[in-house]
PDB file of N, CA and C in Angstrom:
ATOM      1  N   MET A   1      11.246  11.700 -24.962  1.00  0.00           N
ATOM      2  CA  MET A   1      10.355  10.832 -25.672  1.00  0.00           C
ATOM      3  C   MET A   1      10.918  10.626 -27.318  1.00  0.00           C
ATOM      4  N   LYS A   2      11.605  11.598 -27.568  1.00  0.00           N
ATOM      5  CA  LYS A   2      12.225  11.500 -29.014  1.00  0.00           C
ATOM      6  C   LYS A   2      13.332  10.493 -29.037  1.00  0.00           C
ATOM      7  N   ALA A   3      14.012  10.423 -28.046  1.00  0.00           N
ATOM      8  CA  ALA A   3      15.104   9.379 -27.951  1.00  0.00           C
ATOM      9  C   ALA A   3      14.569   7.981 -27.704  1.00  0.00           C
ATOM     10  N   LEU A   4      13.370   7.846 -27.046  1.00  0.00           N
ATOM     11  CA  LEU A   4      12.853   6.476 -26.912  1.00  0.00           C
ATOM     12  C   LEU A   4      12.019   5.954 -28.020  1.00  0.00           C
ATOM     13  N   ASP A   5      11.625   7.088 -28.958  1.00  0.00           N
ATOM     14  CA  ASP A   5      10.995   6.910 -30.205  1.00  0.00           C
ATOM     15  C   ASP A   5      12.082   6.404 -31.149  1.00  0.00           C
ATOM     16  N   ASP A   6      13.072   7.109 -31.290  1.00  0.00           N
ATOM     17  CA  ASP A   6      13.978   6.962 -32.172  1.00  0.00           C
ATOM     18  C   ASP A   6      14.882   5.401 -31.904  1.00  0.00           C
ATOM     19  N   ALA A   7      14.833   5.145 -30.516  1.00  0.00           N
ATOM     20  CA  ALA A   7      15.406   3.651 -30.309  1.00  0.00           C
ATOM     21  C   ALA A   7      14.305   2.691 -30.344  1.00  0.00           C
ATOM     22  N   ASP A   8      13.085   3.004 -30.788  1.00  0.00           N
ATOM     23  CA  ASP A   8      11.946   1.932 -30.657  1.00  0.00           C
ATOM     24  C   ASP A   8      11.886   1.291 -29.358  1.00  0.00           C
ATOM     25  N   ILE A   9      11.739   2.109 -28.415  1.00  0.00           N
ATOM     26  CA  ILE A   9      11.560   1.536 -26.983  1.00  0.00           C
ATOM     27  C   ILE A   9      10.139   1.858 -26.686  1.00  0.00           C
ATOM     28  N   PRO A  10       9.221   0.948 -26.253  1.00  0.00           N
ATOM     29  CA  PRO A  10       7.926   1.261 -26.000  1.00  0.00           C
ATOM     30  C   PRO A  10       7.899   1.890 -24.530  1.00  0.00           C
ATOM     31  N   TYR A  11       6.954   2.820 -24.545  1.00  0.00           N
ATOM     32  CA  TYR A  11       6.893   3.525 -23.232  1.00  0.00           C
ATOM     33  C   TYR A  11       5.371   4.132 -23.022  1.00  0.00           C
ATOM     34  N   GLN A  12       5.225   4.530 -21.763  1.00  0.00           N
ATOM     35  CA  GLN A  12       3.845   5.226 -21.578  1.00  0.00           C
ATOM     36  C   GLN A  12       4.173   6.617 -20.835  1.00  0.00           C
ATOM     37  N   GLN A  13       4.031   7.629 -21.498  1.00  0.00           N
ATOM     38  CA  GLN A  13       4.142   8.930 -20.713  1.00  0.00           C
ATOM     39  C   GLN A  13       3.103   9.177 -19.643  1.00  0.00           C
ATOM     40  N   VAL A  14       3.537   9.488 -18.441  1.00  0.00           N
ATOM     41  CA  VAL A  14       2.492   9.995 -17.518  1.00  0.00           C
ATOM     42  C   VAL A  14       2.989  11.299 -17.145  1.00  0.00           C
ATOM     43  N   LYS A  15       2.136  12.230 -17.056  1.00  0.00           N
ATOM     44  CA  LYS A  15       2.647  13.679 -16.780  1.00  0.00           C
ATOM     45  C   LYS A  15       2.197  13.851 -15.303  1.00  0.00           C
ATOM     46  N   ASP A  16       3.095  14.607 -14.547  1.00  0.00           N
ATOM     47  CA  ASP A  16       2.870  14.855 -13.126  1.00  0.00           C
ATOM     48  C   ASP A  16       3.080  16.317 -13.055  1.00  0.00           C
ATOM     49  N   PRO A  17       1.950  17.078 -13.111  1.00  0.00           N
ATOM     50  CA  PRO A  17       2.075  18.479 -13.061  1.00  0.00           C
ATOM     51  C   PRO A  17       1.969  19.148 -11.496  1.00  0.00           C
ATOM     52  N   THR A  18       1.996  18.143 -10.571  1.00  0.00           N
ATOM     53  CA  THR A  18       1.868  18.523  -9.237  1.00  0.00           C
ATOM     54  C   THR A  18       2.679  19.547  -8.820  1.00  0.00           C
ATOM     55  N   PHE A  19       2.228  20.659  -8.238  1.00  0.00           N
ATOM     56  CA  PHE A  19       2.883  21.742  -7.672  1.00  0.00           C
ATOM     57  C   PHE A  19       2.326  21.918  -6.326  1.00  0.00           C
ATOM     58  N   PRO A  20       3.250  22.336  -5.343  1.00  0.00           N
ATOM     59  CA  PRO A  20       4.654  22.265  -5.327  1.00  0.00           C
ATOM     60  C   PRO A  20       5.183  20.851  -5.581  1.00  0.00           C
ATOM     61  N   ARG A  21       6.472  20.829  -5.756  1.00  0.00           N
ATOM     62  CA  ARG A  21       7.083  19.630  -5.915  1.00  0.00           C
ATOM     63  C   ARG A  21       6.973  18.542  -4.791  1.00  0.00           C
ATOM     64  N   SER A  22       7.089  19.167  -3.587  1.00  0.00           N
ATOM     65  CA  SER A  22       6.898  18.535  -2.279  1.00  0.00           C
ATOM     66  C   SER A  22       5.587  17.562  -2.358  1.00  0.00           C
ATOM     67  N   LYS A  23       4.739  17.637  -3.118  1.00  0.00           N
ATOM     68  CA  LYS A  23       3.355  16.896  -3.176  1.00  0.00           C
ATOM     69  C   LYS A  23       3.739  15.851  -4.196  1.00  0.00           C
ATOM     70  N   ARG A  24       4.841  15.717  -4.830  1.00  0.00           N
ATOM     71  CA  ARG A  24       4.902  14.581  -5.883  1.00  0.00           C
ATOM     72  C   ARG A  24       5.267  13.214  -5.002  1.00  0.00           C
ATOM     73  N   THR A  25       4.323  12.673  -4.382  1.00  0.00           N
ATOM     74  CA  THR A  25       4.497  11.521  -3.489  1.00  0.00           C
ATOM     75  C   THR A  25       4.847  10.368  -4.343  1.00  0.00           C
ATOM     76  N   GLU A  26       4.398  10.116  -5.627  1.00  0.00           N
ATOM     77  CA  GLU A  26       4.823   8.981  -6.324  1.00  0.00           C
ATOM     78  C   GLU A  26       6.346   9.038  -6.864  1.00  0.00           C
ATOM     79  N   ALA A  27       6.748  10.323  -7.149  1.00  0.00           N
ATOM     80  CA  ALA A  27       8.091  10.379  -7.596  1.00  0.00           C
ATOM     81  C   ALA A  27       9.003  10.134  -6.258  1.00  0.00           C
ATOM     82  N   MET A  28       8.639  10.710  -5.163  1.00  0.00           N
ATOM     83  CA  MET A  28       9.319  10.480  -3.938  1.00  0.00           C
ATOM     84  C   MET A  28       9.397   9.057  -3.607  1.00  0.00           C
ATOM     85  N   ARG A  29       8.447   8.308  -3.766  1.00  0.00           N
ATOM     86  CA  ARG A  29       8.400   6.886  -3.393  1.00  0.00           C
ATOM     87  C   ARG A  29       9.214   6.126  -4.259  1.00  0.00           C
ATOM     88  N   LEU A  30       9.107   6.365  -5.444  1.00  0.00           N
ATOM     89  CA  LEU A  30      10.011   5.611  -6.460  1.00  0.00           C
ATOM     90  C   LEU A  30      11.510   6.040  -6.497  1.00  0.00           C
ATOM     91  N   THR A  31      11.702   7.261  -6.448  1.00  0.00           N
ATOM     92  CA  THR A  31      13.051   7.741  -6.577  1.00  0.00           C
ATOM     93  C   THR A  31      13.796   8.343  -5.407  1.00  0.00           C
ATOM     94  N   GLY A  32      13.066   8.703  -4.414  1.00  0.00           N
ATOM     95  CA  GLY A  32      13.591   9.314  -3.292  1.00  0.00           C
ATOM     96  C   GLY A  32      13.670  10.840  -3.382  1.00  0.00           C
ATOM     97  N   GLN A  33      13.279  11.288  -4.746  1.00  0.00           N
ATOM     98  CA  GLN A  33      13.426  12.743  -4.939  1.00  0.00           C
ATOM     99  C   GLN A  33      12.056  13.277  -5.517  1.00  0.00           C
ATOM    100  N   ASP A  34      11.997  14.769  -5.561  1.00  0.00           N
ATOM    101  CA  ASP A  34      10.670  15.135  -6.105  1.00  0.00           C
ATOM    102  C   ASP A  34      10.950  15.773  -7.312  1.00  0.00           C
ATOM    103  N   ARG A  35      11.963  15.314  -8.130  1.00  0.00           N
ATOM    104  CA  ARG A  35      12.330  16.123  -9.344  1.00  0.00           C
ATOM    105  C   ARG A  35      11.836  15.036 -10.618  1.00  0.00           C
ATOM    106  N   LEU A  36      11.582  15.719 -11.752  1.00  0.00           N
ATOM    107  CA  LEU A  36      11.202  14.786 -13.020  1.00  0.00           C
ATOM    108  C   LEU A  36      12.371  15.050 -13.914  1.00  0.00           C
ATOM    109  N   PRO A  37      12.676  14.376 -14.993  1.00  0.00           N
ATOM    110  CA  PRO A  37      11.967  13.087 -15.321  1.00  0.00           C
ATOM    111  C   PRO A  37      12.562  11.913 -14.515  1.00  0.00           C
ATOM    112  N   TYR A  38      11.719  10.705 -14.658  1.00  0.00           N
ATOM    113  CA  TYR A  38      12.225   9.369 -14.191  1.00  0.00           C
ATOM    114  C   TYR A  38      11.614   8.399 -15.083  1.00  0.00           C
ATOM    115  N   VAL A  39      12.262   7.259 -15.065  1.00  0.00           N
ATOM    116  CA  VAL A  39      11.738   6.047 -15.697  1.00  0.00           C
ATOM    117  C   VAL A  39      11.398   5.041 -14.611  1.00  0.00           C
ATOM    118  N   GLU A  40      10.137   4.532 -14.857  1.00  0.00           N
ATOM    119  CA  GLU A  40       9.890   3.425 -13.982  1.00  0.00           C
ATOM    120  C   GLU A  40       9.762   2.162 -14.902  1.00  0.00           C
ATOM    121  N   TYR A  41      10.546   1.194 -14.382  1.00  0.00           N
ATOM    122  CA  TYR A  41      10.688  -0.152 -15.121  1.00  0.00           C
ATOM    123  C   TYR A  41       9.461  -0.890 -14.736  1.00  0.00           C
ATOM    124  N   GLU A  42       9.205  -2.049 -15.389  1.00  0.00           N
ATOM    125  CA  GLU A  42       8.054  -2.958 -15.226  1.00  0.00           C
ATOM    126  C   GLU A  42       8.292  -3.692 -14.004  1.00  0.00           C
ATOM    127  N   ASP A  43       9.498  -3.724 -13.280  1.00  0.00           N
ATOM    128  CA  ASP A  43       9.709  -4.500 -12.106  1.00  0.00           C
ATOM    129  C   ASP A  43       9.503  -3.630 -10.937  1.00  0.00           C
ATOM    130  N   GLY A  44       9.130  -2.283 -11.197  1.00  0.00           N
ATOM    131  CA  GLY A  44       8.737  -1.377 -10.012  1.00  0.00           C
ATOM    132  C   GLY A  44       9.998  -0.538  -9.621  1.00  0.00           C
ATOM    133  N   THR A  45      11.154  -0.793 -10.213  1.00  0.00           N
ATOM    134  CA  THR A  45      12.351   0.082  -9.809  1.00  0.00           C
ATOM    135  C   THR A  45      12.279   1.432 -10.796  1.00  0.00           C
ATOM    136  N   ALA A  46      12.997   2.326 -10.297  1.00  0.00           N
ATOM    137  CA  ALA A  46      12.903   3.688 -11.142  1.00  0.00           C
ATOM    138  C   ALA A  46      14.545   4.127 -11.386  1.00  0.00           C
ATOM    139  N   LEU A  47      14.557   4.940 -12.245  1.00  0.00           N
ATOM    140  CA  LEU A  47      15.815   5.559 -12.674  1.00  0.00           C
ATOM    141  C   LEU A  47      15.577   7.121 -12.667  1.00  0.00           C
ATOM    142  N   ARG A  48      16.002   7.834 -11.733  1.00  0.00           N
ATOM    143  CA  ARG A  48      15.996   9.455 -12.007  1.00  0.00           C
ATOM    144  C   ARG A  48      17.175  10.093 -12.511  1.00  0.00           C
ATOM    145  N   GLU A  49      17.247  10.642 -13.436  1.00  0.00           N
ATOM    146  CA  GLU A  49      18.514  11.369 -14.019  1.00  0.00           C
ATOM    147  C   GLU A  49      17.856  12.753 -14.741  1.00  0.00           C
ATOM    148  N   GLU A  50      18.832  13.553 -14.865  1.00  0.00           N
ATOM    149  CA  GLU A  50      18.567  14.738 -15.721  1.00  0.00           C
ATOM    150  C   GLU A  50      18.206  14.350 -17.215  1.00  0.00           C
ATOM    151  N   SER A  51      17.432  15.145 -17.867  1.00  0.00           N
ATOM    152  CA  SER A  51      16.883  14.797 -19.193  1.00  0.00           C
ATOM    153  C   SER A  51      18.045  14.535 -20.089  1.00  0.00           C
ATOM    154  N   SER A  52      19.066  15.409 -20.161  1.00  0.00           N
ATOM    155  CA  SER A  52      20.149  15.205 -20.981  1.00  0.00           C
ATOM    156  C   SER A  52      20.899  13.675 -20.762  1.00  0.00           C
ATOM    157  N   ASP A  53      20.945  13.302 -19.552  1.00  0.00           N
ATOM    158  CA  ASP A  53      21.568  12.142 -19.161  1.00  0.00           C
ATOM    159  C   ASP A  53      20.798  11.002 -19.572  1.00  0.00           C
ATOM    160  N   LEU A  54      19.453  11.090 -19.197  1.00  0.00           N
ATOM    161  CA  LEU A  54      18.581   9.930 -19.722  1.00  0.00           C
ATOM    162  C   LEU A  54      18.660   9.830 -21.316  1.00  0.00           C
ATOM    163  N   VAL A  55      18.765  10.901 -22.122  1.00  0.00           N
ATOM    164  CA  VAL A  55      18.947  10.831 -23.560  1.00  0.00           C
ATOM    165  C   VAL A  55      20.127  10.372 -23.894  1.00  0.00           C
ATOM    166  N   ALA A  56      21.329  10.531 -23.298  1.00  0.00           N
ATOM    167  CA  ALA A  56      22.554  10.011 -23.658  1.00  0.00           C
ATOM    168  C   ALA A  56      22.488   8.436 -23.414  1.00  0.00           C
ATOM    169  N   ARG A  57      22.024   8.004 -22.085  1.00  0.00           N
ATOM    170  CA  ARG A  57      21.821   6.731 -21.794  1.00  0.00           C
ATOM    171  C   ARG A  57      20.835   5.868 -22.865  1.00  0.00           C
ATOM    172  N   ILE A  58      19.858   6.329 -23.338  1.00  0.00           N
ATOM    173  CA  ILE A  58      19.102   5.868 -24.214  1.00  0.00           C
ATOM    174  C   ILE A  58      19.717   5.706 -25.536  1.00  0.00           C
ATOM    175  N   GLN A  59      20.297   6.753 -26.004  1.00  0.00           N
ATOM    176  CA  GLN A  59      21.151   6.544 -27.231  1.00  0.00           C
ATOM    177  C   GLN A  59      22.332   5.714 -27.206  1.00  0.00           C
ATOM    178  N   ALA A  60      22.935   5.394 -26.118  1.00  0.00           N
ATOM    179  CA  ALA A  60      23.870   4.497 -25.837  1.00  0.00           C
ATOM    180  C   ALA A  60      23.510   3.051 -25.877  1.00  0.00           C
ATOM    181  N   GLY A  61      22.053   3.044 -25.704  1.00  0.00           N
ATOM    182  CA  GLY A  61      21.492   1.534 -25.456  1.00  0.00           C
ATOM    183  C   GLY A  61      21.667   1.108 -24.143  1.00  0.00           C
ATOM    184  N   ASN A  62      21.747   2.054 -23.073  1.00  0.00           N
ATOM    185  CA  ASN A  62      21.881   1.545 -21.786  1.00  0.00           C
ATOM    186  C   ASN A  62      20.855   1.796 -20.837  1.00  0.00           C
ATOM    187  N   LEU A  63      19.508   1.935 -21.469  1.00  0.00           N
ATOM    188  CA  LEU A  63      18.464   2.141 -20.528  1.00  0.00           C
ATOM    189  C   LEU A  63      18.160   0.858 -19.772  1.00  0.00           C
ATOM    190  N   GLY A  64      18.331  -0.246 -20.484  1.00  0.00           N
ATOM    191  CA  GLY A  64      18.077  -1.619 -19.920  1.00  0.00           C
ATOM    192  C   GLY A  64      16.534  -1.903 -19.574  1.00  0.00           C
ATOM    193  N   GLU A  65      16.275  -2.995 -18.884  1.00  0.00           N
ATOM    194  CA  GLU A  65      15.037  -3.439 -18.386  1.00  0.00           C
ATOM    195  C   GLU A  65      14.688  -3.172 -17.032  1.00  0.00           C
ATOM    196  N   THR A  66      15.867  -2.899 -16.219  1.00  0.00           N
ATOM    197  CA  THR A  66      15.681  -2.628 -14.669  1.00  0.00           C
ATOM    198  C   THR A  66      16.660  -1.425 -14.422  1.00  0.00           C
ATOM    199  N   ALA A  67      16.489  -0.700 -13.340  1.00  0.00           N
ATOM    200  CA  ALA A  67      17.170   0.416 -12.929  1.00  0.00           C
ATOM    201  C   ALA A  67      18.578  -0.029 -12.708  1.00  0.00           C
ATOM    202  N   PRO A  68      19.616   0.520 -13.199  1.00  0.00           N
ATOM    203  CA  PRO A  68      21.012   0.210 -12.967  1.00  0.00           C
ATOM    204  C   PRO A  68      21.341   0.488 -11.406  1.00  0.00           C
ATOM    205  N   THR A  69      22.261  -0.490 -11.000  1.00  0.00           N
ATOM    206  CA  THR A  69      22.649  -0.216  -9.559  1.00  0.00           C
ATOM    207  C   THR A  69      23.949   0.499  -9.674  1.00  0.00           C
ATOM    208  N   ALA A  70      24.153   1.137  -8.481  1.00  0.00           N
ATOM    209  CA  ALA A  70      25.282   1.973  -8.381  1.00  0.00           C
ATOM    210  C   ALA A  70      26.641   1.209  -8.250  1.00  0.00           C
TER     211      ALA A  70
END
């Protein structure tokens, strides 16, 4: 969140305390994984990366408006 704030990127934080992880149906639907964090874009696509990788992507200005394609 700090990286998003520092980059002046608007966002809405949604907490998902669901336990066990296997019950994280929304995360599974969006990313195919039950892990957090992930970014959901306005177009409905999502990006799931480790926190440090997301921070690096944000700081490099590569978060984008849609999920990057492989």
